[in-house]
Amino acid sequence: MSEIRPNYIVDITDVVCPTTFVKAKVALEELEEGEILSIKMNDGEPVQNVSRSIKEEGHEILKLIDNNDGTYNLLVRKVGD
């Protein structure tokens, strides 16, 4: 599989739930359908809650990358407008 290249990156490591999903959602709203967002977040609640909420919104989760420093990058393809 070729490397997935995001169109936009948002870092939400400096905020706590539920603001994490709000920031991720706002970033997704700025994208065009089919574009890819990389969301950098802390391990724990954000990984579980943001991933679940984005899936519930109907977007496609492409990959979750462990950065081995207590953070993850979630790659999401925007579906619909």
PDB file of N, CA and C in Angstrom:
ATOM      1  N   MET A   1       0.845  -1.188   0.000  1.00  0.00           N
ATOM      2  CA  MET A   1       0.000   0.000   0.000  1.00  0.00           C
ATOM      3  C   MET A   1       0.886   1.245   0.000  1.00  0.00           C
ATOM      4  N   SER A   2       0.551   2.185  -0.826  1.00  0.00           N
ATOM      5  CA  SER A   2       1.340   3.409  -0.888  1.00  0.00           C
ATOM      6  C   SER A   2       1.046   4.282   0.334  1.00  0.00           C
ATOM      7  N   GLU A   3       1.953   5.192   0.591  1.00  0.00           N
ATOM      8  CA  GLU A   3       1.810   6.081   1.741  1.00  0.00           C
ATOM      9  C   GLU A   3       0.612   7.007   1.528  1.00  0.00           C
ATOM     10  N   ILE A   4      -0.164   7.173   2.583  1.00  0.00           N
ATOM     11  CA  ILE A   4      -1.320   8.070   2.541  1.00  0.00           C
ATOM     12  C   ILE A   4      -0.838   9.478   2.850  1.00  0.00           C
ATOM     13  N   ARG A   5      -1.117  10.409   1.961  1.00  0.00           N
ATOM     14  CA  ARG A   5      -0.682  11.794   2.154  1.00  0.00           C
ATOM     15  C   ARG A   5      -1.893  12.669   2.491  1.00  0.00           C
ATOM     16  N   PRO A   6      -1.890  13.209   3.703  1.00  0.00           N
ATOM     17  CA  PRO A   6      -3.030  14.060   4.089  1.00  0.00           C
ATOM     18  C   PRO A   6      -3.002  15.408   3.372  1.00  0.00           C
ATOM     19  N   ASN A   7      -4.195  15.946   3.133  1.00  0.00           N
ATOM     20  CA  ASN A   7      -4.335  17.292   2.574  1.00  0.00           C
ATOM     21  C   ASN A   7      -4.187  18.347   3.659  1.00  0.00           C
ATOM     22  N   TYR A   8      -4.468  17.948   4.883  1.00  0.00           N
ATOM     23  CA  TYR A   8      -4.457  18.899   5.995  1.00  0.00           C
ATOM     24  C   TYR A   8      -4.118  18.154   7.279  1.00  0.00           C
ATOM     25  N   ILE A   9      -3.444  18.822   8.207  1.00  0.00           N
ATOM     26  CA  ILE A   9      -3.074  18.235   9.496  1.00  0.00           C
ATOM     27  C   ILE A   9      -3.585  19.145  10.600  1.00  0.00           C
ATOM     28  N   VAL A  10      -4.199  18.544  11.620  1.00  0.00           N
ATOM     29  CA  VAL A  10      -4.636  19.299  12.791  1.00  0.00           C
ATOM     30  C   VAL A  10      -4.051  18.605  14.028  1.00  0.00           C
ATOM     31  N   ASP A  11      -3.520  19.413  14.945  1.00  0.00           N
ATOM     32  CA  ASP A  11      -2.931  18.903  16.181  1.00  0.00           C
ATOM     33  C   ASP A  11      -3.878  19.246  17.328  1.00  0.00           C
ATOM     34  N   ILE A  12      -4.447  18.211  17.947  1.00  0.00           N
ATOM     35  CA  ILE A  12      -5.378  18.442  19.061  1.00  0.00           C
ATOM     36  C   ILE A  12      -4.791  17.916  20.375  1.00  0.00           C
ATOM     37  N   THR A  13      -3.473  17.805  20.441  1.00  0.00           N
ATOM     38  CA  THR A  13      -2.834  17.301  21.653  1.00  0.00           C
ATOM     39  C   THR A  13      -2.914  18.291  22.817  1.00  0.00           C
ATOM     40  N   ASP A  14      -3.248  19.534  22.528  1.00  0.00           N
ATOM     41  CA  ASP A  14      -3.297  20.558  23.582  1.00  0.00           C
ATOM     42  C   ASP A  14      -4.695  20.783  24.140  1.00  0.00           C
ATOM     43  N   VAL A  15      -5.669  19.969  23.718  1.00  0.00           N
ATOM     44  CA  VAL A  15      -7.047  20.132  24.217  1.00  0.00           C
ATOM     45  C   VAL A  15      -7.553  18.807  24.791  1.00  0.00           C
ATOM     46  N   VAL A  16      -8.625  18.894  25.584  1.00  0.00           N
ATOM     47  CA  VAL A  16      -9.198  17.702  26.211  1.00  0.00           C
ATOM     48  C   VAL A  16     -10.608  17.452  25.676  1.00  0.00           C
ATOM     49  N   CYS A  17     -11.084  16.230  25.867  1.00  0.00           N
ATOM     50  CA  CYS A  17     -12.440  15.867  25.449  1.00  0.00           C
ATOM     51  C   CYS A  17     -13.442  16.736  26.199  1.00  0.00           C
ATOM     52  N   PRO A  18     -14.528  17.144  25.601  1.00  0.00           N
ATOM     53  CA  PRO A  18     -14.986  16.852  24.241  1.00  0.00           C
ATOM     54  C   PRO A  18     -14.468  17.834  23.189  1.00  0.00           C
ATOM     55  N   THR A  19     -13.640  18.764  23.584  1.00  0.00           N
ATOM     56  CA  THR A  19     -13.132  19.750  22.635  1.00  0.00           C
ATOM     57  C   THR A  19     -12.299  19.091  21.536  1.00  0.00           C
ATOM     58  N   THR A  20     -11.719  17.930  21.828  1.00  0.00           N
ATOM     59  CA  THR A  20     -10.908  17.245  20.821  1.00  0.00           C
ATOM     60  C   THR A  20     -11.735  16.959  19.570  1.00  0.00           C
ATOM     61  N   PHE A  21     -12.924  16.395  19.753  1.00  0.00           N
ATOM     62  CA  PHE A  21     -13.761  16.084  18.595  1.00  0.00           C
ATOM     63  C   PHE A  21     -14.246  17.351  17.903  1.00  0.00           C
ATOM     64  N   VAL A  22     -14.561  18.365  18.666  1.00  0.00           N
ATOM     65  CA  VAL A  22     -15.026  19.627  18.072  1.00  0.00           C
ATOM     66  C   VAL A  22     -13.960  20.184  17.127  1.00  0.00           C
ATOM     67  N   LYS A  23     -12.706  20.217  17.570  1.00  0.00           N
ATOM     68  CA  LYS A  23     -11.623  20.728  16.721  1.00  0.00           C
ATOM     69  C   LYS A  23     -11.427  19.857  15.485  1.00  0.00           C
ATOM     70  N   ALA A  24     -11.525  18.534  15.659  1.00  0.00           N
ATOM     71  CA  ALA A  24     -11.382  17.619  14.524  1.00  0.00           C
ATOM     72  C   ALA A  24     -12.529  17.819  13.532  1.00  0.00           C
ATOM     73  N   LYS A  25     -13.737  17.978  14.038  1.00  0.00           N
ATOM     74  CA  LYS A  25     -14.912  18.171  13.180  1.00  0.00           C
ATOM     75  C   LYS A  25     -14.814  19.472  12.390  1.00  0.00           C
ATOM     76  N   VAL A  26     -14.383  20.544  13.049  1.00  0.00           N
ATOM     77  CA  VAL A  26     -14.219  21.830  12.368  1.00  0.00           C
ATOM     78  C   VAL A  26     -13.189  21.698  11.240  1.00  0.00           C
ATOM     79  N   ALA A  27     -12.095  21.001  11.510  1.00  0.00           N
ATOM     80  CA  ALA A  27     -11.065  20.798  10.490  1.00  0.00           C
ATOM     81  C   ALA A  27     -11.620  19.995   9.316  1.00  0.00           C
ATOM     82  N   LEU A  28     -12.413  18.971   9.593  1.00  0.00           N
ATOM     83  CA  LEU A  28     -13.020  18.172   8.521  1.00  0.00           C
ATOM     84  C   LEU A  28     -13.974  19.011   7.675  1.00  0.00           C
ATOM     85  N   GLU A  29     -14.704  19.911   8.307  1.00  0.00           N
ATOM     86  CA  GLU A  29     -15.658  20.754   7.581  1.00  0.00           C
ATOM     87  C   GLU A  29     -14.963  21.660   6.570  1.00  0.00           C
ATOM     88  N   GLU A  30     -13.699  21.960   6.794  1.00  0.00           N
ATOM     89  CA  GLU A  30     -12.936  22.815   5.873  1.00  0.00           C
ATOM     90  C   GLU A  30     -12.482  22.070   4.613  1.00  0.00           C
ATOM     91  N   LEU A  31     -12.525  20.745   4.656  1.00  0.00           N
ATOM     92  CA  LEU A  31     -12.037  19.941   3.529  1.00  0.00           C
ATOM     93  C   LEU A  31     -13.125  19.701   2.501  1.00  0.00           C
ATOM     94  N   GLU A  32     -12.689  19.377   1.292  1.00  0.00           N
ATOM     95  CA  GLU A  32     -13.596  18.946   0.232  1.00  0.00           C
ATOM     96  C   GLU A  32     -13.797  17.436   0.359  1.00  0.00           C
ATOM     97  N   GLU A  33     -14.896  16.930  -0.144  1.00  0.00           N
ATOM     98  CA  GLU A  33     -15.159  15.498  -0.120  1.00  0.00           C
ATOM     99  C   GLU A  33     -13.991  14.746  -0.761  1.00  0.00           C
ATOM    100  N   GLY A  34     -13.539  13.688  -0.099  1.00  0.00           N
ATOM    101  CA  GLY A  34     -12.450  12.867  -0.618  1.00  0.00           C
ATOM    102  C   GLY A  34     -11.074  13.278  -0.115  1.00  0.00           C
ATOM    103  N   GLU A  35     -10.956  14.486   0.438  1.00  0.00           N
ATOM    104  CA  GLU A  35      -9.666  14.915   0.968  1.00  0.00           C
ATOM    105  C   GLU A  35      -9.387  14.204   2.296  1.00  0.00           C
ATOM    106  N   ILE A  36      -8.101  14.176   2.663  1.00  0.00           N
ATOM    107  CA  ILE A  36      -7.673  13.424   3.837  1.00  0.00           C
ATOM    108  C   ILE A  36      -7.138  14.365   4.909  1.00  0.00           C
ATOM    109  N   LEU A  37      -7.597  14.124   6.138  1.00  0.00           N
ATOM    110  CA  LEU A  37      -7.173  14.889   7.305  1.00  0.00           C
ATOM    111  C   LEU A  37      -6.358  13.981   8.214  1.00  0.00           C
ATOM    112  N   SER A  38      -5.236  14.484   8.691  1.00  0.00           N
ATOM    113  CA  SER A  38      -4.446  13.797   9.710  1.00  0.00           C
ATOM    114  C   SER A  38      -4.676  14.524  11.024  1.00  0.00           C
ATOM    115  N   ILE A  39      -5.149  13.775  12.022  1.00  0.00           N
ATOM    116  CA  ILE A  39      -5.447  14.349  13.327  1.00  0.00           C
ATOM    117  C   ILE A  39      -4.438  13.800  14.330  1.00  0.00           C
ATOM    118  N   LYS A  40      -3.592  14.681  14.860  1.00  0.00           N
ATOM    119  CA  LYS A  40      -2.632  14.268  15.887  1.00  0.00           C
ATOM    120  C   LYS A  40      -3.281  14.447  17.247  1.00  0.00           C
ATOM    121  N   MET A  41      -3.312  13.352  18.030  1.00  0.00           N
ATOM    122  CA  MET A  41      -3.978  13.392  19.326  1.00  0.00           C
ATOM    123  C   MET A  41      -3.245  12.544  20.343  1.00  0.00           C
ATOM    124  N   ASN A  42      -3.566  12.792  21.606  1.00  0.00           N
ATOM    125  CA  ASN A  42      -2.972  12.023  22.692  1.00  0.00           C
ATOM    126  C   ASN A  42      -3.612  10.652  22.791  1.00  0.00           C
ATOM    127  N   ASP A  43      -2.858   9.725  23.367  1.00  0.00           N
ATOM    128  CA  ASP A  43      -3.361   8.385  23.636  1.00  0.00           C
ATOM    129  C   ASP A  43      -4.499   8.457  24.653  1.00  0.00           C
ATOM    130  N   GLY A  44      -5.314   7.423  24.712  1.00  0.00           N
ATOM    131  CA  GLY A  44      -6.393   7.353  25.697  1.00  0.00           C
ATOM    132  C   GLY A  44      -7.726   7.795  25.135  1.00  0.00           C
ATOM    133  N   GLU A  45      -8.427   8.621  25.905  1.00  0.00           N
ATOM    134  CA  GLU A  45      -9.777   9.061  25.528  1.00  0.00           C
ATOM    135  C   GLU A  45      -9.867   9.644  24.124  1.00  0.00           C
ATOM    136  N   PRO A  46      -8.969  10.551  23.723  1.00  0.00           N
ATOM    137  CA  PRO A  46      -9.092  11.107  22.376  1.00  0.00           C
ATOM    138  C   PRO A  46      -9.064  10.042  21.279  1.00  0.00           C
ATOM    139  N   VAL A  47      -8.176   9.069  21.397  1.00  0.00           N
ATOM    140  CA  VAL A  47      -8.080   8.027  20.368  1.00  0.00           C
ATOM    141  C   VAL A  47      -9.405   7.272  20.270  1.00  0.00           C
ATOM    142  N   GLN A  48      -9.978   6.935  21.401  1.00  0.00           N
ATOM    143  CA  GLN A  48     -11.245   6.195  21.403  1.00  0.00           C
ATOM    144  C   GLN A  48     -12.414   7.063  20.959  1.00  0.00           C
ATOM    145  N   ASN A  49     -12.560   8.225  21.585  1.00  0.00           N
ATOM    146  CA  ASN A  49     -13.737   9.059  21.358  1.00  0.00           C
ATOM    147  C   ASN A  49     -13.742   9.759  20.000  1.00  0.00           C
ATOM    148  N   VAL A  50     -12.613  10.321  19.602  1.00  0.00           N
ATOM    149  CA  VAL A  50     -12.555  11.024  18.314  1.00  0.00           C
ATOM    150  C   VAL A  50     -12.768  10.023  17.179  1.00  0.00           C
ATOM    151  N   SER A  51     -12.106   8.870  17.268  1.00  0.00           N
ATOM    152  CA  SER A  51     -12.260   7.846  16.224  1.00  0.00           C
ATOM    153  C   SER A  51     -13.716   7.415  16.096  1.00  0.00           C
ATOM    154  N   ARG A  52     -14.355   7.131  17.220  1.00  0.00           N
ATOM    155  CA  ARG A  52     -15.752   6.685  17.207  1.00  0.00           C
ATOM    156  C   ARG A  52     -16.670   7.772  16.650  1.00  0.00           C
ATOM    157  N   SER A  53     -16.480   9.008  17.109  1.00  0.00           N
ATOM    158  CA  SER A  53     -17.352  10.104  16.677  1.00  0.00           C
ATOM    159  C   SER A  53     -17.205  10.396  15.192  1.00  0.00           C
ATOM    160  N   ILE A  54     -15.985  10.343  14.683  1.00  0.00           N
ATOM    161  CA  ILE A  54     -15.764  10.582  13.250  1.00  0.00           C
ATOM    162  C   ILE A  54     -16.434   9.498  12.420  1.00  0.00           C
ATOM    163  N   LYS A  55     -16.332   8.265  12.879  1.00  0.00           N
ATOM    164  CA  LYS A  55     -16.986   7.153  12.176  1.00  0.00           C
ATOM    165  C   LYS A  55     -18.507   7.333  12.187  1.00  0.00           C
ATOM    166  N   GLU A  56     -19.041   7.757  13.344  1.00  0.00           N
ATOM    167  CA  GLU A  56     -20.488   7.994  13.458  1.00  0.00           C
ATOM    168  C   GLU A  56     -20.946   9.116  12.531  1.00  0.00           C
ATOM    169  N   GLU A  57     -20.071  10.077  12.244  1.00  0.00           N
ATOM    170  CA  GLU A  57     -20.386  11.176  11.330  1.00  0.00           C
ATOM    171  C   GLU A  57     -20.397  10.698   9.875  1.00  0.00           C
ATOM    172  N   GLY A  58     -19.897   9.476   9.631  1.00  0.00           N
ATOM    173  CA  GLY A  58     -19.928   8.913   8.287  1.00  0.00           C
ATOM    174  C   GLY A  58     -18.629   9.025   7.508  1.00  0.00           C
ATOM    175  N   HIS A  59     -17.569   9.510   8.152  1.00  0.00           N
ATOM    176  CA  HIS A  59     -16.288   9.640   7.467  1.00  0.00           C
ATOM    177  C   HIS A  59     -15.527   8.315   7.523  1.00  0.00           C
ATOM    178  N   GLU A  60     -14.564   8.162   6.643  1.00  0.00           N
ATOM    179  CA  GLU A  60     -13.814   6.912   6.529  1.00  0.00           C
ATOM    180  C   GLU A  60     -12.481   7.012   7.274  1.00  0.00           C
ATOM    181  N   ILE A  61     -12.298   6.132   8.240  1.00  0.00           N
ATOM    182  CA  ILE A  61     -11.027   6.072   8.956  1.00  0.00           C
ATOM    183  C   ILE A  61     -10.084   5.194   8.142  1.00  0.00           C
ATOM    184  N   LEU A  62      -8.959   5.785   7.742  1.00  0.00           N
ATOM    185  CA  LEU A  62      -8.013   5.075   6.892  1.00  0.00           C
ATOM    186  C   LEU A  62      -6.938   4.345   7.692  1.00  0.00           C
ATOM    187  N   LYS A  63      -6.439   5.009   8.739  1.00  0.00           N
ATOM    188  CA  LYS A  63      -5.321   4.426   9.470  1.00  0.00           C
ATOM    189  C   LYS A  63      -5.120   5.157  10.790  1.00  0.00           C
ATOM    190  N   LEU A  64      -4.688   4.405  11.810  1.00  0.00           N
ATOM    191  CA  LEU A  64      -4.289   4.980  13.093  1.00  0.00           C
ATOM    192  C   LEU A  64      -2.817   4.655  13.273  1.00  0.00           C
ATOM    193  N   ILE A  65      -2.013   5.691  13.394  1.00  0.00           N
ATOM    194  CA  ILE A  65      -0.562   5.528  13.470  1.00  0.00           C
ATOM    195  C   ILE A  65      -0.082   5.859  14.877  1.00  0.00           C
ATOM    196  N   ASP A  66       0.607   4.912  15.508  1.00  0.00           N
ATOM    197  CA  ASP A  66       1.204   5.116  16.831  1.00  0.00           C
ATOM    198  C   ASP A  66       2.541   5.819  16.635  1.00  0.00           C
ATOM    199  N   ASN A  67       2.669   7.026  17.161  1.00  0.00           N
ATOM    200  CA  ASN A  67       3.909   7.795  17.023  1.00  0.00           C
ATOM    201  C   ASN A  67       4.966   7.401  18.054  1.00  0.00           C
ATOM    202  N   ASN A  68       4.615   6.448  18.926  1.00  0.00           N
ATOM    203  CA  ASN A  68       5.528   5.942  19.960  1.00  0.00           C
ATOM    204  C   ASN A  68       6.019   7.024  20.914  1.00  0.00           C
ATOM    205  N   ASP A  69       5.222   8.064  21.106  1.00  0.00           N
ATOM    206  CA  ASP A  69       5.570   9.132  22.044  1.00  0.00           C
ATOM    207  C   ASP A  69       4.345   9.549  22.866  1.00  0.00           C
ATOM    208  N   GLY A  70       3.344   8.659  22.922  1.00  0.00           N
ATOM    209  CA  GLY A  70       2.116   8.978  23.641  1.00  0.00           C
ATOM    210  C   GLY A  70       1.081   9.678  22.784  1.00  0.00           C
ATOM    211  N   THR A  71       1.402   9.856  21.485  1.00  0.00           N
ATOM    212  CA  THR A  71       0.444  10.461  20.552  1.00  0.00           C
ATOM    213  C   THR A  71       0.182   9.513  19.387  1.00  0.00           C
ATOM    214  N   TYR A  72      -0.913   9.779  18.722  1.00  0.00           N
ATOM    215  CA  TYR A  72      -1.308   9.027  17.529  1.00  0.00           C
ATOM    216  C   TYR A  72      -1.702  10.000  16.433  1.00  0.00           C
ATOM    217  N   ASN A  73      -1.617   9.542  15.190  1.00  0.00           N
ATOM    218  CA  ASN A  73      -2.164  10.280  14.061  1.00  0.00           C
ATOM    219  C   ASN A  73      -3.269   9.428  13.459  1.00  0.00           C
ATOM    220  N   LEU A  74      -4.448  10.010  13.373  1.00  0.00           N
ATOM    221  CA  LEU A  74      -5.600   9.356  12.776  1.00  0.00           C
ATOM    222  C   LEU A  74      -5.795   9.948  11.387  1.00  0.00           C
ATOM    223  N   LEU A  75      -5.780   9.102  10.372  1.00  0.00           N
ATOM    224  CA  LEU A  75      -5.976   9.560   8.993  1.00  0.00           C
ATOM    225  C   LEU A  75      -7.419   9.279   8.604  1.00  0.00           C
ATOM    226  N   VAL A  76      -8.106  10.338   8.185  1.00  0.00           N
ATOM    227  CA  VAL A  76      -9.539  10.278   7.902  1.00  0.00           C
ATOM    228  C   VAL A  76      -9.821  10.848   6.514  1.00  0.00           C
ATOM    229  N   ARG A  77     -10.630  10.141   5.725  1.00  0.00           N
ATOM    230  CA  ARG A  77     -11.087  10.664   4.440  1.00  0.00           C
ATOM    231  C   ARG A  77     -12.474  11.237   4.634  1.00  0.00           C
ATOM    232  N   LYS A  78     -12.649  12.496   4.195  1.00  0.00           N
ATOM    233  CA  LYS A  78     -13.955  13.147   4.318  1.00  0.00           C
ATOM    234  C   LYS A  78     -14.931  12.514   3.323  1.00  0.00           C
ATOM    235  N   VAL A  79     -16.108  12.158   3.860  1.00  0.00           N
ATOM    236  CA  VAL A  79     -17.165  11.584   3.033  1.00  0.00           C
ATOM    237  C   VAL A  79     -18.352  12.534   3.084  1.00  0.00           C
ATOM    238  N   GLY A  80     -18.862  12.893   1.933  1.00  0.00           N
ATOM    239  CA  GLY A  80     -20.020  13.782   1.870  1.00  0.00           C
ATOM    240  C   GLY A  80     -19.697  15.211   2.231  1.00  0.00           C
ATOM    241  N   ASP A  81     -20.657  16.069   2.074  1.00  0.00           N
ATOM    242  CA  ASP A  81     -20.458  17.489   2.380  1.00  0.00           C
ATOM    243  C   ASP A  81     -21.548  18.031   3.247  1.00  0.00           C
TER     244      ASP A  81
END
